[in-house]
């Protein structure tokens, strides 16, 4: 009797416990993406490309880590740590399979403001010149990394708090023009910061507003102090890097592995500097001593958190915005999804945990991310492999970098900024698509180079909100005719009757960054539901009216009447744009994306009642195929074209059958 009771109790307990265990497993998979992709990792197909990409990435991680540490006004060795720990943490918590996290120029510039303000270079002579027990570095260097680590810690805490508050949904305010302008402006500031190394000049740190113009003024006033040897070596390095990288890009499909020109240049320049004694002979600045190993973890300086809160917010917002843009770009390119809130958690933990290991603030970098997927990386295993090589440099090769000329390191950084600087080409696109977006881009860029990346980002977001608020009151929703009862009966004959469904979707509100993502998701949901359904039709086929974007606040898609389409039918969609009062570049981008996604799903898309500006913008933005017309003056014209194409297809099939 007792055994029966125990058995009954255990059954009841298992029923109660099972849902909780299942929910915990789902939570772990959602918050630890590595559990999802690591279990399905294909060693045979992915290990080799991930290894090659990881080796190439390690070269960039090392060189950029050293340079961005100097940019952050700390000792170069801390840049190596910043290339190691954040990459591992992001691989565990991040969802971007092709995102390369580590040291970042944007966050380094912001943290440098706090370092130079609280531990200025002028205090080095006043500080007691004793070596600490940590890596044998001076107290001055340890004070500086303590400030940078505090910025990283507080910035990460802010990002984790934003994750807890589920603020990832507010990222729609970070529009493409704002991110593009902010990153381009920040790249301009990074380029400016490398001028002193490229020219071999001693330039004081300038952190005040309009500092970029003061710096170039100082350069022109002291142009005679430029070291010709440093300038020539910089120009030679830049020319070699640009030529080899362009050749790698052109012939990457024909060759199995690209030439790691960064690594070759670092080795060649270090040996040349060592054997010719450029440091003493020509007065060139070299990297200096790089200590071996990783010290024991230590909490950052908590007593300065209140003094670095401004920089911490800048690191949290700017680093996240730039990283999320890269993650979404990769997700769009390789057809997977990224959770905005999870990215907050991943980057927040990367900054918080890494701050205990003397790391500067981290984020994803465009140059490394582009290099990662262009060399064939498949998963975050490539980043983990790169960490192995970075660790090798930290423990063995680091001291050999003593003789690396700073002008060569600066040249590598400048060439690596190409991906962000070429975003100037976006100006032409925005001018042709939406001149207001063009204005936001230019003004955001100006604010970024004049003040800072966080100021430029905030200004761009405020401008975007103001423009939308100003444009929406003038928006008119056009409902000239009621499409809800419209029916088209189509019948084609070929060995019986086949069915074809034409769905008419009316866009009744402006299509802008606020609702573009929701519009795309709702439309794709409709298509997936139709394709997933296998129920048979009756002989008549109805063209049904669906209403999208009836509520601007959430862009909900209301499907008034839905009929499933068989898998082997030709499905067509007509987008009625008569109610599309205005649009921005995000709206045009999502329309082009909808068209291409539908093409990949064998779904024909036609657009009716399009304004001339919309047609021009879509053709320019998407480089659409002009062989098949997709723009029509009316819905009936689009339906007639669809029916004519179907008739022609059936006639051709009948003729082929008759010949057989």
Foldseek 3Di string as FASTA:
>chain_A
DVVVVVVVVVVVVCVVVVVVVVVVVVVQCLQFVCVVVVVVDDCVPFVVLLLQLLQLLLLVQLLVLQVLCVLLVAASLLSLLQQFQLLVLCQGGFDQFLFRKGRELFLSNLNSVQLCVVQNPVCPVVDDQAFDPFLRHGPSRVVSLLSLLLLLQLLLVVLLVCLVVVVLVVLLLLDPLLLLLLLLLSLVVLLLVLVCQQQVHDFGDDAAFQSSVVSVVVCVVPVVRGQPVSNVVLVVLLVVVVVQVVVCLVCVVVDLHGDSVSVVLLVVQLVVCVVVVCCPPRVFDASAFAGADFDDFAARDPVCNVVCVVSSNSLNVSQLSNQVVLSVVSCLVVVHDGDSSSSSNSQSCSSNVSSRRSHGRMHTYPLSSVSSVSSPRDGSVSSVSSSVVSNVCRHPVVRSRRRRGSSSSSSVSSSSCVVSNVSVVCLVLQVLQPVLSSVLSVQLNVQCNRHHSSRSSVSSSVSVVVVCVVPQVVADFDDPDDCAPDWDWDWDDDPHTDDEEEEEEEEGEAFESQALVVQLVQVVVLVVVQQPDADDDDRTYTHGYWYFQPDVNHRDTGGPDHDHDHNPHAYEYEYEHLNHRYYGLSRLVSVLVSCVVCVVSNYHYAYECDDPSSVSSNCVVNVDDPPDHRYYHHPVVVVVVVSVVVRVVSVVVVVVVVVD
